[in-house]
Structures are given as C-alpha cells and as structure tokens.
Amino acid sequence: MPQLNTSTWFITILTMLPTLYLIMQLKLLNTNYYLSPTQKIPDTQMFNNPWQLKWTKIYLPHLQPRHS
C-alpha cells in the first residue's frame, strides 16, 4: 500500500490562509451595513391604526401583598 505524500501540505495550508483572509476581506468590502436606528430619518407619514385611537390601561402586578 503506497504511503500518502504529505510534503506539500505545509505550503498548501500556509498559502491557503492568506488567500482565505483576502477573499473574506473582499467580501466584507462589498457588504452594505444598515444605519443604526438613531441615524435614520424618522418617517413623517402617520398611519391610522385602530389601536392608536384607543387608550389602554396597563395593569402592573402588585408589588407587595395586600394586608387586611
């Protein structure tokens, strides 16, 4: 059974690492990052939703038990 020749593996791995790094850098250069929400211009258009017209009361749980 022939033995596997591993003499070129070292140089192959060493050249693969910078190549993968460069490919990833080029891919990242082409990506579009969205603006954070604080940098966005707020929309001036308002939508009439039924829940905007209603007043809803939010009930919070009791912080302490009632004493009688």
Protein backbone atom coordinates (compact mmCIF):
# COMPACT_ATOMS: atom_id res chain seq x y z
CA MET A 1 0.00 0.00 0.00
CA PRO A 2 1.51 3.36 -1.01
CA GLN A 3 2.24 5.92 1.62
CA LEU A 4 0.49 9.30 1.48
CA ASN A 5 2.84 12.07 0.46
CA THR A 6 2.36 14.97 2.89
CA SER A 7 5.37 17.02 1.90
CA THR A 8 3.32 19.71 0.13
CA TRP A 9 0.64 20.05 2.79
CA PHE A 10 2.53 22.62 4.81
CA ILE A 11 2.97 25.08 1.94
CA THR A 12 -0.59 24.45 0.78
CA ILE A 13 -2.02 25.33 4.16
CA LEU A 14 0.25 28.34 4.50
CA THR A 15 -0.85 29.77 1.18
CA MET A 16 -4.49 28.92 1.80
CA LEU A 17 -4.74 31.00 4.97
CA PRO A 18 -3.81 34.40 3.46
CA THR A 19 -5.90 33.61 0.42
CA LEU A 20 -8.97 32.94 2.53
CA TYR A 21 -8.29 36.06 4.53
CA LEU A 22 -8.12 38.18 1.38
CA ILE A 23 -11.28 36.64 -0.03
CA MET A 24 -13.15 37.37 3.17
CA GLN A 25 -11.89 40.95 3.22
CA LEU A 26 -13.06 41.48 -0.33
CA LYS A 27 -16.46 40.05 0.52
CA LEU A 28 -16.78 42.30 3.54
CA LEU A 29 -15.92 45.34 1.46
CA ASN A 30 -18.95 44.72 -0.71
CA THR A 31 -21.46 44.29 2.08
CA ASN A 32 -23.92 47.06 2.86
CA TYR A 33 -24.34 47.81 6.51
CA TYR A 34 -27.62 49.34 7.55
CA LEU A 35 -27.72 52.53 9.55
CA SER A 36 -28.40 52.28 13.22
CA PRO A 37 -31.91 53.36 14.26
CA THR A 38 -30.63 56.59 15.80
CA GLN A 39 -29.21 57.71 12.48
CA LYS A 40 -32.36 57.10 10.48
CA ILE A 41 -34.55 59.95 9.44
CA PRO A 42 -37.95 59.39 11.04
CA ASP A 43 -40.88 58.95 8.72
CA THR A 44 -43.30 61.84 8.72
CA GLN A 45 -46.14 59.72 7.41
CA MET A 46 -48.52 58.57 10.13
CA PHE A 47 -50.76 55.60 9.73
CA ASN A 48 -54.20 55.48 11.24
CA ASN A 49 -54.29 52.31 13.22
CA PRO A 50 -57.25 51.39 15.40
CA TRP A 51 -55.04 50.91 18.44
CA GLN A 52 -53.64 54.44 18.17
CA LEU A 53 -57.07 55.91 18.83
CA LYS A 54 -57.76 53.81 21.89
CA TRP A 55 -56.47 54.45 25.34
CA THR A 56 -55.35 51.28 27.01
CA LYS A 57 -54.61 50.89 30.66
CA ILE A 58 -51.63 48.78 31.62
CA TYR A 59 -52.11 46.89 34.84
CA LEU A 60 -48.95 46.26 36.78
CA PRO A 61 -48.72 43.38 39.21
CA HIS A 62 -48.91 44.26 42.87
CA LEU A 63 -45.51 44.88 44.30
CA GLN A 64 -46.44 43.85 47.82
CA PRO A 65 -49.17 41.57 49.05
CA ARG A 66 -52.26 43.26 50.45
CA HIS A 67 -52.58 43.40 54.22
CA SER A 68 -56.09 43.10 55.62
